[in-house]
Amino acid sequence: MKTILTILLGLIIYITPLLSQNETEIRTDGLIIPRVDRNTVNNPTAGHLVYDFVSDQFWYYTGTEWKSVNTDDQTLKD
């Protein structure tokens, strides 16, 4: 029993940092988008949104390619 608990605790300690970097988190103070290298995302789907820590930018997948979300070049509308 002690061995099983040790193994489970080890898995939780190993997996938790991976989830916090690659999974969307919904918190009371906002939403955390997955932080990844977009070039390593397997099988993205249209609308997939990530924060690319390599380029330090948000990106979305159009269904055929990744596009940068560059708010400097866009007009924000109400």
N, C-alpha and C. Protein backbone atom coordinates (compact mmCIF):
# COMPACT_ATOMS: atom_id res chain seq x y z
N MET A 1 0.82 -1.20 0.00
CA MET A 1 0.00 0.00 0.00
C MET A 1 0.86 1.26 0.00
N LYS A 2 1.92 1.25 0.80
CA LYS A 2 2.82 2.39 0.88
C LYS A 2 3.51 2.62 -0.46
N THR A 3 3.86 1.55 -1.15
CA THR A 3 4.51 1.65 -2.46
C THR A 3 3.56 2.27 -3.49
N ILE A 4 2.31 1.87 -3.47
CA ILE A 4 1.33 2.42 -4.41
C ILE A 4 1.14 3.91 -4.17
N LEU A 5 1.05 4.32 -2.92
CA LEU A 5 0.89 5.74 -2.60
C LEU A 5 2.11 6.54 -3.05
N THR A 6 3.29 5.97 -2.88
CA THR A 6 4.52 6.64 -3.31
C THR A 6 4.53 6.82 -4.83
N ILE A 7 4.11 5.79 -5.56
CA ILE A 7 4.06 5.87 -7.01
C ILE A 7 3.04 6.91 -7.46
N LEU A 8 1.85 6.92 -6.86
CA LEU A 8 0.83 7.89 -7.20
C LEU A 8 1.29 9.32 -6.91
N LEU A 9 1.92 9.53 -5.77
CA LEU A 9 2.43 10.85 -5.44
C LEU A 9 3.49 11.29 -6.44
N GLY A 10 4.37 10.38 -6.84
CA GLY A 10 5.38 10.68 -7.85
C GLY A 10 4.76 11.08 -9.18
N LEU A 11 3.72 10.38 -9.60
CA LEU A 11 3.04 10.71 -10.85
C LEU A 11 2.38 12.09 -10.77
N ILE A 12 1.75 12.38 -9.65
CA ILE A 12 1.11 13.68 -9.49
C ILE A 12 2.15 14.79 -9.55
N ILE A 13 3.26 14.62 -8.88
CA ILE A 13 4.33 15.63 -8.89
C ILE A 13 4.90 15.80 -10.29
N TYR A 14 5.02 14.71 -11.05
CA TYR A 14 5.56 14.77 -12.41
C TYR A 14 4.56 15.41 -13.39
N ILE A 15 3.28 15.05 -13.28
CA ILE A 15 2.28 15.49 -14.25
C ILE A 15 1.82 16.92 -14.03
N THR A 16 1.73 17.38 -12.80
CA THR A 16 1.19 18.71 -12.50
C THR A 16 1.86 19.84 -13.26
N PRO A 17 3.20 19.94 -13.31
CA PRO A 17 3.79 21.03 -14.10
C PRO A 17 3.47 20.94 -15.59
N LEU A 18 3.35 19.74 -16.12
CA LEU A 18 3.01 19.59 -17.53
C LEU A 18 1.61 20.12 -17.81
N LEU A 19 0.67 19.86 -16.93
CA LEU A 19 -0.69 20.35 -17.12
C LEU A 19 -0.75 21.86 -17.03
N SER A 20 0.01 22.43 -16.12
CA SER A 20 -0.08 23.88 -15.94
C SER A 20 0.52 24.63 -17.11
N GLN A 21 1.37 24.00 -17.90
CA GLN A 21 1.96 24.66 -19.06
C GLN A 21 1.19 24.40 -20.33
N ASN A 22 0.55 23.27 -20.45
CA ASN A 22 -0.04 22.88 -21.73
C ASN A 22 -1.56 22.78 -21.72
N GLU A 23 -2.20 23.08 -20.63
CA GLU A 23 -3.65 23.00 -20.55
C GLU A 23 -4.21 24.38 -20.26
N THR A 24 -5.39 24.63 -20.75
CA THR A 24 -6.07 25.88 -20.44
C THR A 24 -6.51 25.85 -18.99
N GLU A 25 -6.24 26.94 -18.29
CA GLU A 25 -6.67 27.06 -16.90
C GLU A 25 -7.71 28.17 -16.82
N ILE A 26 -8.80 27.89 -16.16
CA ILE A 26 -9.80 28.91 -15.89
C ILE A 26 -9.71 29.23 -14.41
N ARG A 27 -9.34 30.47 -14.13
CA ARG A 27 -9.17 30.89 -12.74
C ARG A 27 -10.12 32.04 -12.46
N THR A 28 -10.23 32.42 -11.21
CA THR A 28 -11.13 33.51 -10.86
C THR A 28 -10.63 34.85 -11.39
N ASP A 29 -9.33 34.96 -11.66
CA ASP A 29 -8.78 36.22 -12.15
C ASP A 29 -8.50 36.21 -13.65
N GLY A 30 -8.95 35.19 -14.38
CA GLY A 30 -8.76 35.17 -15.83
C GLY A 30 -8.54 33.78 -16.38
N LEU A 31 -8.18 33.75 -17.65
CA LEU A 31 -7.98 32.51 -18.39
C LEU A 31 -6.52 32.42 -18.80
N ILE A 32 -5.91 31.27 -18.60
CA ILE A 32 -4.53 31.06 -19.03
C ILE A 32 -4.54 30.14 -20.24
N ILE A 33 -4.07 30.68 -21.36
CA ILE A 33 -4.00 29.94 -22.62
C ILE A 33 -2.77 29.02 -22.57
N PRO A 34 -2.84 27.84 -23.21
CA PRO A 34 -1.67 26.94 -23.21
C PRO A 34 -0.42 27.64 -23.72
N ARG A 35 0.70 27.43 -23.02
CA ARG A 35 1.98 28.03 -23.38
C ARG A 35 2.86 26.94 -23.98
N VAL A 36 3.06 27.01 -25.30
CA VAL A 36 3.77 25.96 -26.02
C VAL A 36 4.61 26.55 -27.14
N ASP A 37 5.42 25.73 -27.76
CA ASP A 37 6.04 26.05 -29.04
C ASP A 37 5.04 25.59 -30.09
N ARG A 38 4.39 26.53 -30.80
CA ARG A 38 3.29 26.16 -31.72
C ARG A 38 3.73 25.16 -32.77
N ASN A 39 5.01 25.11 -33.09
CA ASN A 39 5.50 24.18 -34.11
C ASN A 39 5.52 22.74 -33.62
N THR A 40 5.28 22.53 -32.34
CA THR A 40 5.26 21.17 -31.80
C THR A 40 3.85 20.66 -31.54
N VAL A 41 2.82 21.47 -31.88
CA VAL A 41 1.43 21.06 -31.67
C VAL A 41 1.04 20.05 -32.75
N ASN A 42 0.63 18.87 -32.33
CA ASN A 42 0.21 17.82 -33.27
C ASN A 42 -1.26 17.96 -33.59
N ASN A 43 -1.60 17.93 -34.86
CA ASN A 43 -2.98 17.94 -35.34
C ASN A 43 -3.82 19.10 -34.78
N PRO A 44 -3.37 20.35 -34.98
CA PRO A 44 -4.20 21.46 -34.51
C PRO A 44 -5.49 21.53 -35.33
N THR A 45 -6.53 22.06 -34.72
CA THR A 45 -7.80 22.23 -35.41
C THR A 45 -8.07 23.72 -35.60
N ALA A 46 -8.92 24.05 -36.54
CA ALA A 46 -9.25 25.45 -36.80
C ALA A 46 -9.76 26.09 -35.51
N GLY A 47 -9.21 27.26 -35.20
CA GLY A 47 -9.58 27.96 -33.99
C GLY A 47 -8.68 27.69 -32.80
N HIS A 48 -7.74 26.78 -32.97
CA HIS A 48 -6.79 26.44 -31.90
C HIS A 48 -6.01 27.70 -31.53
N LEU A 49 -5.99 28.08 -30.27
CA LEU A 49 -5.30 29.27 -29.81
C LEU A 49 -4.23 28.87 -28.81
N VAL A 50 -3.01 29.37 -29.01
CA VAL A 50 -1.90 29.08 -28.09
C VAL A 50 -1.08 30.35 -27.86
N TYR A 51 -0.34 30.33 -26.77
CA TYR A 51 0.67 31.36 -26.53
C TYR A 51 2.01 30.70 -26.82
N ASP A 52 2.70 31.16 -27.85
CA ASP A 52 3.99 30.59 -28.25
C ASP A 52 5.09 31.27 -27.44
N PHE A 53 5.69 30.52 -26.51
CA PHE A 53 6.73 31.11 -25.67
C PHE A 53 8.02 31.35 -26.43
N VAL A 54 8.19 30.75 -27.60
CA VAL A 54 9.38 30.97 -28.42
C VAL A 54 9.33 32.35 -29.07
N SER A 55 8.18 32.69 -29.68
CA SER A 55 8.04 33.99 -30.34
C SER A 55 7.47 35.06 -29.40
N ASP A 56 7.01 34.64 -28.22
CA ASP A 56 6.43 35.54 -27.23
C ASP A 56 5.18 36.23 -27.79
N GLN A 57 4.32 35.43 -28.49
CA GLN A 57 3.11 35.94 -29.12
C GLN A 57 1.97 34.92 -29.03
N PHE A 58 0.74 35.42 -29.19
CA PHE A 58 -0.41 34.54 -29.34
C PHE A 58 -0.55 34.16 -30.80
N TRP A 59 -0.98 32.92 -31.06
CA TRP A 59 -1.18 32.40 -32.41
C TRP A 59 -2.49 31.63 -32.46
N TYR A 60 -3.16 31.65 -33.62
CA TYR A 60 -4.33 30.81 -33.82
C TYR A 60 -4.17 30.06 -35.13
N TYR A 61 -4.82 28.90 -35.19
CA TYR A 61 -4.73 28.04 -36.37
C TYR A 61 -5.98 28.23 -37.22
N THR A 62 -5.79 28.54 -38.50
CA THR A 62 -6.91 28.83 -39.40
C THR A 62 -7.55 27.56 -39.98
N GLY A 63 -6.92 26.45 -39.80
CA GLY A 63 -7.35 25.21 -40.43
C GLY A 63 -6.32 24.75 -41.45
N THR A 64 -5.48 25.72 -41.90
CA THR A 64 -4.41 25.39 -42.84
C THR A 64 -3.05 25.94 -42.40
N GLU A 65 -3.07 27.01 -41.57
CA GLU A 65 -1.79 27.60 -41.13
C GLU A 65 -1.97 28.36 -39.82
N TRP A 66 -0.85 28.60 -39.13
CA TRP A 66 -0.84 29.40 -37.92
C TRP A 66 -0.75 30.87 -38.31
N LYS A 67 -1.55 31.72 -37.66
CA LYS A 67 -1.52 33.17 -37.87
C LYS A 67 -1.25 33.84 -36.53
N SER A 68 -0.39 34.84 -36.55
CA SER A 68 -0.10 35.59 -35.34
C SER A 68 -1.27 36.50 -34.99
N VAL A 69 -1.56 36.59 -33.71
CA VAL A 69 -2.57 37.53 -33.22
C VAL A 69 -1.80 38.79 -32.84
N ASN A 70 -1.75 39.73 -33.77
CA ASN A 70 -0.97 40.94 -33.59
C ASN A 70 -1.94 42.11 -33.44
N THR A 71 -2.23 42.51 -32.22
CA THR A 71 -3.21 43.56 -31.99
C THR A 71 -2.71 44.93 -32.43
N ASP A 72 -1.41 45.09 -32.66
CA ASP A 72 -0.88 46.37 -33.13
C ASP A 72 -1.37 46.69 -34.55
N ASP A 73 -1.66 45.65 -35.34
CA ASP A 73 -2.07 45.83 -36.73
C ASP A 73 -3.57 45.72 -36.93
N GLN A 74 -4.35 45.58 -35.87
CA GLN A 74 -5.77 45.37 -36.02
C GLN A 74 -6.54 46.50 -35.32
N THR A 75 -7.69 46.81 -35.86
CA THR A 75 -8.57 47.77 -35.22
C THR A 75 -9.53 47.01 -34.33
N LEU A 76 -9.53 47.34 -33.06
CA LEU A 76 -10.43 46.67 -32.13
C LEU A 76 -11.79 47.37 -32.16
N LYS A 77 -12.85 46.58 -32.26
CA LYS A 77 -14.20 47.14 -32.35
C LYS A 77 -15.01 46.69 -31.16
N ASP A 78 -16.00 47.52 -30.77
CA ASP A 78 -16.89 47.17 -29.66
C ASP A 78 -17.88 46.12 -30.12
